Amino acid sequence: MKLAVAIAVVLAAIPARADIVADAAVRLDDSARHRRRVIAVIVGSVGAASVAVGIAHGIGAASNWHDFTAGRGEPCDSALVCNDAGRRAIDRAKGLARGADILIGSGLAVVGIAAAIWFTAPEPRVVPTGNGVAITGRF
């Protein structure tokens, strides 16, 4: 019982939006904004995943390259004189580095596109429900 009274007091203290309460014949339509923001979150998630995979590729490439330049691998010596297996491993490290560059760059571009989608989402518009005609909005 005390909890219900406390909730009622808190709800009574929250100010109501005057533009909605003043005219009960209109309501806010937020569906277009919601759709755009859902799309932005999905696109941003794909971009963030691309950046994360690119960072992992970069770490792997740096680790492989460090192993070869330190002369720790059997296929290459400290002067990077390598046999066929060593050359293939160095080419693999270079390929990982190239992939990291592409994944990180494209991922950042996709995150930027997601931010543009998020911030250009239309404002909620007021739609009439019967008595009044007051439509405002922005696209």
Protein backbone atom coordinates (compact mmCIF):
# COMPACT_ATOMS: atom_id res chain seq x y z
CA MET A 1 0.00 0.00 0.00
CA LYS A 2 2.81 2.40 0.88
CA LEU A 3 4.50 1.60 -2.42
CA ALA A 4 1.35 2.45 -4.37
CA VAL A 5 1.02 5.78 -2.54
CA ALA A 6 4.69 6.58 -3.22
CA ILE A 7 4.29 5.78 -6.92
CA ALA A 8 1.17 7.95 -7.13
CA VAL A 9 2.99 10.87 -5.50
CA VAL A 10 5.95 10.53 -7.88
CA LEU A 11 3.69 10.32 -10.93
CA ALA A 12 1.73 13.37 -9.78
CA ALA A 13 4.96 15.34 -9.39
CA ILE A 14 6.12 14.65 -12.97
CA PRO A 15 5.06 17.56 -15.16
CA ALA A 16 2.86 16.63 -18.09
CA ARG A 17 3.67 17.85 -21.59
CA ALA A 18 1.46 20.88 -22.12
CA ASP A 19 1.24 20.49 -25.89
CA ILE A 20 -0.24 16.99 -25.59
CA VAL A 21 -2.48 17.59 -22.59
CA ALA A 22 -3.86 20.88 -23.92
CA ASP A 23 -5.40 19.27 -26.98
CA ALA A 24 -6.57 15.70 -26.52
CA ALA A 25 -7.64 15.59 -30.18
CA VAL A 26 -4.05 15.17 -31.42
CA ARG A 27 -1.34 12.60 -30.82
CA LEU A 28 2.34 12.31 -31.65
CA ASP A 29 3.34 9.96 -34.46
CA ASP A 30 6.90 8.81 -33.82
CA SER A 31 6.93 5.79 -36.15
CA ALA A 32 9.13 7.31 -38.90
CA ARG A 33 11.70 8.51 -36.38
CA HIS A 34 11.71 5.12 -34.65
CA ARG A 35 12.22 3.25 -37.95
CA ARG A 36 15.13 5.49 -38.94
CA ARG A 37 16.79 5.09 -35.56
CA VAL A 38 16.43 1.29 -35.67
CA ILE A 39 18.04 1.30 -39.13
CA ALA A 40 20.84 3.54 -37.80
CA VAL A 41 21.54 1.17 -34.90
CA ILE A 42 21.69 -1.84 -37.23
CA VAL A 43 23.97 -0.07 -39.72
CA GLY A 44 26.17 1.24 -36.90
CA SER A 45 26.47 -2.24 -35.43
CA VAL A 46 27.67 -3.62 -38.76
CA GLY A 47 30.23 -0.81 -38.99
CA ALA A 48 31.44 -1.37 -35.44
CA ALA A 49 31.80 -5.09 -36.10
CA SER A 50 33.84 -4.33 -39.22
CA VAL A 51 36.15 -2.07 -37.22
CA ALA A 52 36.54 -4.75 -34.52
CA VAL A 53 37.42 -7.44 -37.08
CA GLY A 54 39.84 -5.02 -38.75
CA ILE A 55 41.57 -4.35 -35.45
CA ALA A 56 41.89 -8.10 -34.85
CA HIS A 57 43.41 -8.54 -38.33
CA GLY A 58 45.82 -5.70 -37.64
CA ILE A 59 46.94 -7.23 -34.35
CA GLY A 60 47.48 -10.58 -36.06
CA ALA A 61 49.46 -8.98 -38.88
CA ALA A 62 51.63 -7.00 -36.47
CA SER A 63 52.30 -10.10 -34.40
CA ASN A 64 53.27 -12.15 -37.47
CA TRP A 65 55.47 -9.40 -38.83
CA HIS A 66 57.19 -8.93 -35.48
CA ASP A 67 57.97 -12.66 -35.33
CA PHE A 68 59.63 -12.55 -38.74
CA THR A 69 61.63 -9.37 -38.19
CA ALA A 70 62.89 -10.63 -34.83
CA GLY A 71 64.25 -13.74 -36.53
CA ARG A 72 62.25 -16.09 -34.29
CA GLY A 73 60.73 -18.07 -37.11
CA GLU A 74 62.53 -20.97 -38.71
CA PRO A 75 61.64 -19.96 -42.27
CA CYS A 76 63.41 -16.56 -42.02
CA ASP A 77 66.52 -15.20 -40.40
CA SER A 78 67.08 -11.72 -38.90
CA ALA A 79 67.92 -10.23 -42.34
CA LEU A 80 64.52 -11.48 -43.66
CA VAL A 81 66.17 -13.98 -45.96
CA CYS A 82 63.42 -16.55 -46.23
CA ASN A 83 62.67 -19.83 -47.85
CA ASP A 84 59.34 -20.43 -49.64
CA ALA A 85 57.43 -21.04 -46.42
CA GLY A 86 58.77 -17.81 -44.95
CA ARG A 87 57.79 -15.79 -48.03
CA ARG A 88 54.28 -17.22 -47.89
CA ALA A 89 54.02 -16.33 -44.19
CA ILE A 90 55.20 -12.76 -44.86
CA ASP A 91 52.72 -12.44 -47.71
CA ARG A 92 50.03 -13.67 -45.33
CA ALA A 93 51.00 -11.00 -42.78
CA LYS A 94 50.89 -8.33 -45.49
CA GLY A 95 47.49 -9.61 -46.60
CA LEU A 96 46.19 -9.41 -43.03
CA ALA A 97 47.47 -5.85 -42.77
CA ARG A 98 45.79 -4.89 -46.05
CA GLY A 99 42.55 -6.48 -44.88
CA ALA A 100 42.79 -4.58 -41.60
CA ASP A 101 43.17 -1.30 -43.49
CA ILE A 102 40.13 -2.03 -45.65
CA LEU A 103 37.95 -3.28 -42.79
CA ILE A 104 38.76 -0.41 -40.45
CA GLY A 105 38.33 2.23 -43.15
CA SER A 106 35.04 0.88 -44.45
CA GLY A 107 33.78 0.25 -40.92
CA LEU A 108 34.42 3.85 -39.93
CA ALA A 109 32.63 5.04 -43.07
CA VAL A 110 29.62 2.86 -42.25
CA VAL A 111 29.56 4.17 -38.66
CA GLY A 112 29.55 7.70 -40.12
CA ILE A 113 26.62 6.80 -42.36
CA ALA A 114 24.78 5.39 -39.34
CA ALA A 115 25.37 8.65 -37.46
CA ALA A 116 23.96 10.59 -40.41
CA ILE A 117 20.87 8.37 -40.47
CA TRP A 118 20.41 8.81 -36.70
CA PHE A 119 20.75 12.58 -36.65
CA THR A 120 18.58 13.19 -39.72
CA ALA A 121 15.64 11.18 -38.40
CA PRO A 122 12.45 13.22 -38.66
CA GLU A 123 10.94 14.83 -35.61
CA PRO A 124 7.73 13.34 -34.24
CA ARG A 125 4.77 14.85 -35.98
CA VAL A 126 1.44 15.80 -34.52
CA VAL A 127 -1.46 14.05 -36.19
CA PRO A 128 -5.13 14.81 -35.68
CA THR A 129 -7.32 12.17 -34.09
CA GLY A 130 -10.66 13.73 -34.79
CA ASN A 131 -11.46 17.32 -33.88
CA GLY A 132 -8.34 19.36 -34.65
CA VAL A 133 -6.04 19.85 -37.59
CA ALA A 134 -2.52 20.64 -36.48
CA ILE A 135 0.15 18.86 -38.46
CA THR A 136 3.76 19.86 -38.04
CA GLY A 137 6.92 18.06 -38.88
CA ARG A 138 10.26 18.00 -40.61
CA PHE A 139 11.97 15.56 -42.90
